[in-house]
C-alpha atoms as a PDB file:
ATOM      1  CA  MET A   1       9.212  -3.555   1.694  1.00  0.00           C
ATOM      2  CA  LEU A   2       5.859  -3.383   3.491  1.00  0.00           C
ATOM      3  CA  GLY A   3       4.650  -6.403   1.545  1.00  0.00           C
ATOM      4  CA  VAL A   4       7.674  -8.419   2.657  1.00  0.00           C
ATOM      5  CA  GLY A   5       7.012  -7.298   6.229  1.00  0.00           C
ATOM      6  CA  TRP A   6       3.447  -8.587   6.059  1.00  0.00           C
ATOM      7  CA  LEU A   7       4.718 -11.849   4.572  1.00  0.00           C
ATOM      8  CA  LEU A   8       7.298 -12.439   7.299  1.00  0.00           C
ATOM      9  CA  SER A   9       5.409 -11.198  10.355  1.00  0.00           C
ATOM     10  CA  PRO A  10       3.738 -13.922  12.467  1.00  0.00           C
ATOM     11  CA  GLU A  11       0.888 -11.513  13.402  1.00  0.00           C
ATOM     12  CA  PRO A  12       0.814  -8.803  10.718  1.00  0.00           C
ATOM     13  CA  TRP A  13      -2.561  -7.395  11.812  1.00  0.00           C
ATOM     14  CA  LEU A  14      -0.844  -6.099  14.957  1.00  0.00           C
ATOM     15  CA  TRP A  15       1.206  -3.601  12.904  1.00  0.00           C
ATOM     16  CA  ASP A  16      -1.916  -1.477  12.781  1.00  0.00           C
ATOM     17  CA  GLN A  17      -3.510  -2.734  15.988  1.00  0.00           C
ATOM     18  CA  SER A  18      -4.935   0.512  17.347  1.00  0.00           C
ATOM     19  CA  ALA A  19      -6.538   1.536  14.039  1.00  0.00           C
ATOM     20  CA  ASN A  20      -7.940  -1.978  13.536  1.00  0.00           C
ATOM     21  CA  GLU A  21      -9.386  -2.084  17.056  1.00  0.00           C
ATOM     22  CA  ILE A  22     -11.025   1.316  16.534  1.00  0.00           C
ATOM     23  CA  LEU A  23     -12.543   0.072  13.272  1.00  0.00           C
ATOM     24  CA  LEU A  24     -13.737  -3.177  14.880  1.00  0.00           C
ATOM     25  CA  LYS A  25     -14.873  -1.396  18.080  1.00  0.00           C
ATOM     26  CA  THR A  26     -13.301  -4.163  20.165  1.00  0.00           C
ATOM     27  CA  SER A  27      -9.866  -5.437  21.121  1.00  0.00           C
ATOM     28  CA  PHE A  28      -8.174  -8.344  19.389  1.00  0.00           C
ATOM     29  CA  GLU A  29      -7.969 -10.084  22.765  1.00  0.00           C
ATOM     30  CA  LYS A  30     -11.770  -9.961  23.148  1.00  0.00           C
ATOM     31  CA  LEU A  31     -12.326 -10.849  19.520  1.00  0.00           C
ATOM     32  CA  PHE A  32     -10.078 -13.919  19.662  1.00  0.00           C
ATOM     33  CA  SER A  33     -11.491 -15.110  23.004  1.00  0.00           C
ATOM     34  CA  VAL A  34     -14.925 -15.892  21.533  1.00  0.00           C
ATOM     35  CA  PRO A  35     -15.060 -19.613  20.602  1.00  0.00           C
ATOM     36  CA  ILE A  36     -16.469 -18.972  17.114  1.00  0.00           C
ATOM     37  CA  ASN A  37     -13.437 -16.785  16.330  1.00  0.00           C
ATOM     38  CA  ARG A  38     -10.899 -19.459  17.266  1.00  0.00           C
ATOM     39  CA  ALA A  39      -9.614 -19.691  13.692  1.00  0.00           C
ATOM     40  CA  LEU A  40      -9.704 -15.928  13.084  1.00  0.00           C
ATOM     41  CA  PRO A  41      -5.942 -15.441  13.625  1.00  0.00           C
ATOM     42  CA  ASP A  42      -5.267 -18.044  10.907  1.00  0.00           C
ATOM     43  CA  TYR A  43      -7.704 -16.296   8.572  1.00  0.00           C
ATOM     44  CA  LEU A  44      -6.109 -12.897   9.269  1.00  0.00           C
ATOM     45  CA  ASN A  45      -2.676 -14.391   8.674  1.00  0.00           C
ATOM     46  CA  LEU A  46      -3.828 -15.764   5.319  1.00  0.00           C
ATOM     47  CA  SER A  47      -5.427 -12.434   4.366  1.00  0.00           C
ATOM     48  CA  TYR A  48      -2.340 -10.410   5.267  1.00  0.00           C
ATOM     49  CA  THR A  49      -0.065 -12.923   3.542  1.00  0.00           C
ATOM     50  CA  PHE A  50      -2.151 -12.590   0.383  1.00  0.00           C
ATOM     51  CA  PHE A  51      -2.096  -8.813   0.740  1.00  0.00           C
ATOM     52  CA  GLY A  52       1.681  -8.910   1.259  1.00  0.00           C
ATOM     53  CA  TRP A  53       2.170 -10.951  -1.913  1.00  0.00           C
ATOM     54  CA  TRP A  54      -0.109  -8.580  -3.790  1.00  0.00           C
ATOM     55  CA  ILE A  55       1.940  -5.561  -2.652  1.00  0.00           C
ATOM     56  CA  VAL A  56       5.232  -7.301  -3.522  1.00  0.00           C
ATOM     57  CA  SER A  57       3.836  -8.306  -6.948  1.00  0.00           C
ATOM     58  CA  ILE A  58       2.651  -4.791  -7.806  1.00  0.00           C
ATOM     59  CA  GLY A  59       6.005  -3.404  -6.673  1.00  0.00           C
ATOM     60  CA  MET A  60       7.890  -5.880  -8.873  1.00  0.00           C
ATOM     61  CA  LEU A  61       5.678  -5.049 -11.871  1.00  0.00           C
ATOM     62  CA  ILE A  62       6.258  -1.320 -11.427  1.00  0.00           C
ATOM     63  CA  LEU A  63       9.983  -1.834 -10.936  1.00  0.00           C
ATOM     64  CA  SER A  64      10.186  -4.088 -14.026  1.00  0.00           C
ATOM     65  CA  PHE A  65       8.271  -1.567 -16.153  1.00  0.00           C
ATOM     66  CA  THR A  66      10.520   1.240 -14.926  1.00  0.00           C
ATOM     67  CA  ILE A  67      13.741  -0.699 -15.575  1.00  0.00           C
ATOM     68  CA  VAL A  68      12.691  -1.867 -19.037  1.00  0.00           C
ATOM     69  CA  THR A  69      11.402   1.501 -20.244  1.00  0.00           C
ATOM     70  CA  ARG A  70      13.702   3.711 -18.157  1.00  0.00           C
ATOM     71  CA  LEU A  71      10.621   5.929 -18.371  1.00  0.00           C
ATOM     72  CA  GLY A  72      12.335   7.328 -21.424  1.00  0.00           C
ATOM     73  CA  THR A  73       9.204   8.069 -23.381  1.00  0.00           C
ATOM     74  CA  LEU A  74       6.340  10.389 -22.608  1.00  0.00           C
ATOM     75  CA  LEU A  75       3.923   7.459 -22.931  1.00  0.00           C
ATOM     76  CA  ALA A  76       5.828   5.418 -20.297  1.00  0.00           C
ATOM     77  CA  ARG A  77       5.892   8.358 -17.877  1.00  0.00           C
ATOM     78  CA  VAL A  78       2.207   9.156 -18.379  1.00  0.00           C
ATOM     79  CA  LEU A  79       1.128   5.508 -18.009  1.00  0.00           C
ATOM     80  CA  ILE A  80       3.073   4.835 -14.827  1.00  0.00           C
ATOM     81  CA  GLY A  81       2.072   8.208 -13.388  1.00  0.00           C
ATOM     82  CA  PHE A  82      -1.605   7.557 -14.139  1.00  0.00           C
ATOM     83  CA  VAL A  83      -1.581   4.041 -12.686  1.00  0.00           C
ATOM     84  CA  LEU A  84       0.156   5.256  -9.529  1.00  0.00           C
ATOM     85  CA  LEU A  85      -2.319   8.150  -9.279  1.00  0.00           C
ATOM     86  CA  ILE A  86      -5.265   5.733  -9.337  1.00  0.00           C
ATOM     87  CA  ILE A  87      -3.584   3.491  -6.739  1.00  0.00           C
ATOM     88  CA  LEU A  88      -2.829   6.445  -4.445  1.00  0.00           C
ATOM     89  CA  ILE A  89      -6.351   7.875  -4.738  1.00  0.00           C
ATOM     90  CA  GLY A  90      -7.837   4.483  -3.838  1.00  0.00           C
ATOM     91  CA  LEU A  91      -5.478   3.968  -0.902  1.00  0.00           C
ATOM     92  CA  THR A  92      -6.103   7.450   0.444  1.00  0.00           C
ATOM     93  CA  ILE A  93      -9.894   7.063   0.260  1.00  0.00           C
ATOM     94  CA  ILE A  94      -9.817   3.654   1.967  1.00  0.00           C
ATOM     95  CA  GLU A  95      -7.486   4.858   4.713  1.00  0.00           C
ATOM     96  CA  LYS A  96      -9.460   8.052   5.364  1.00  0.00           C
ATOM     97  CA  MET A  97     -12.795   6.187   5.466  1.00  0.00           C
ATOM     98  CA  TYR A  98     -11.844   3.102   7.436  1.00  0.00           C
ATOM     99  CA  ILE A  99      -8.559   3.586   9.295  1.00  0.00           C
ATOM    100  CA  PRO A 100      -7.983   7.335   9.734  1.00  0.00           C
ATOM    101  CA  THR A 101      -5.791   6.767  12.800  1.00  0.00           C
ATOM    102  CA  SER A 102      -3.448   4.370  11.028  1.00  0.00           C
ATOM    103  CA  PRO A 103       0.262   5.168  10.995  1.00  0.00           C
ATOM    104  CA  PHE A 104       0.229   3.901   7.399  1.00  0.00           C
ATOM    105  CA  LEU A 105      -1.348   7.232   6.432  1.00  0.00           C
ATOM    106  CA  TYR A 106       2.098   8.790   6.820  1.00  0.00           C
ATOM    107  CA  LEU A 107       3.497   6.292   4.321  1.00  0.00           C
ATOM    108  CA  THR A 108       0.707   7.140   1.909  1.00  0.00           C
ATOM    109  CA  TRP A 109       1.431  10.864   2.231  1.00  0.00           C
ATOM    110  CA  GLY A 110       5.092  10.060   1.609  1.00  0.00           C
ATOM    111  CA  ALA A 111       4.072   8.168  -1.532  1.00  0.00           C
ATOM    112  CA  TRP A 112       2.043  11.218  -2.632  1.00  0.00           C
ATOM    113  CA  ILE A 113       5.102  13.431  -2.202  1.00  0.00           C
ATOM    114  CA  LEU A 114       7.225  11.009  -4.237  1.00  0.00           C
ATOM    115  CA  TRP A 115       4.512  10.866  -6.919  1.00  0.00           C
ATOM    116  CA  VAL A 116       4.425  14.677  -7.180  1.00  0.00           C
ATOM    117  CA  ILE A 117       8.232  14.786  -7.443  1.00  0.00           C
ATOM    118  CA  SER A 118       8.108  12.102 -10.132  1.00  0.00           C
ATOM    119  CA  VAL A 119       5.475  13.944 -12.183  1.00  0.00           C
ATOM    120  CA  TRP A 120       7.405  17.217 -11.798  1.00  0.00           C
ATOM    121  CA  ALA A 121      10.636  15.505 -12.902  1.00  0.00           C
ATOM    122  CA  GLY A 122       8.842  13.988 -15.902  1.00  0.00           C
ATOM    123  CA  ILE A 123       7.589  17.425 -16.914  1.00  0.00           C
ATOM    124  CA  GLN A 124      11.089  18.863 -16.551  1.00  0.00           C
ATOM    125  CA  LEU A 125      12.483  16.016 -18.645  1.00  0.00           C
ATOM    126  CA  GLN A 126       9.881  16.680 -21.331  1.00  0.00           C
ATOM    127  CA  LYS A 127      10.860  20.377 -21.388  1.00  0.00           C
ATOM    128  CA  HIS A 128      14.520  19.392 -21.655  1.00  0.00           C
ATOM    129  CA  ASP A 129      13.846  16.996 -24.541  1.00  0.00           C
ATOM    130  CA  ALA A 130      11.778  19.553 -26.473  1.00  0.00           C
END
């Protein structure tokens, strides 16, 4: 859903404005007022649109894998859990290093909670099947 939001928003970089301005050490207003940065909003729009499509694509791949396999085998559960673990570790490191004031951190922590629940449920399912 976040990916779709970035795709549809006319200025998606403003979703995280305060964290971005802290990272850049300047305001967007100042940044865009410099003549050399005239095309920067278009570039940011392109970057966020690409990022939005990337997020939507990854989400569709995960959803497709989950629907097809129903995560019915240990291999399917381990693979999806491992891939999501790597994604979450990377996101958490990037957010903590570059945008520690971002409200998106709360979404990442929510994703961690869902990942833990998923791994726990997979373990319980394995016990039940044994």
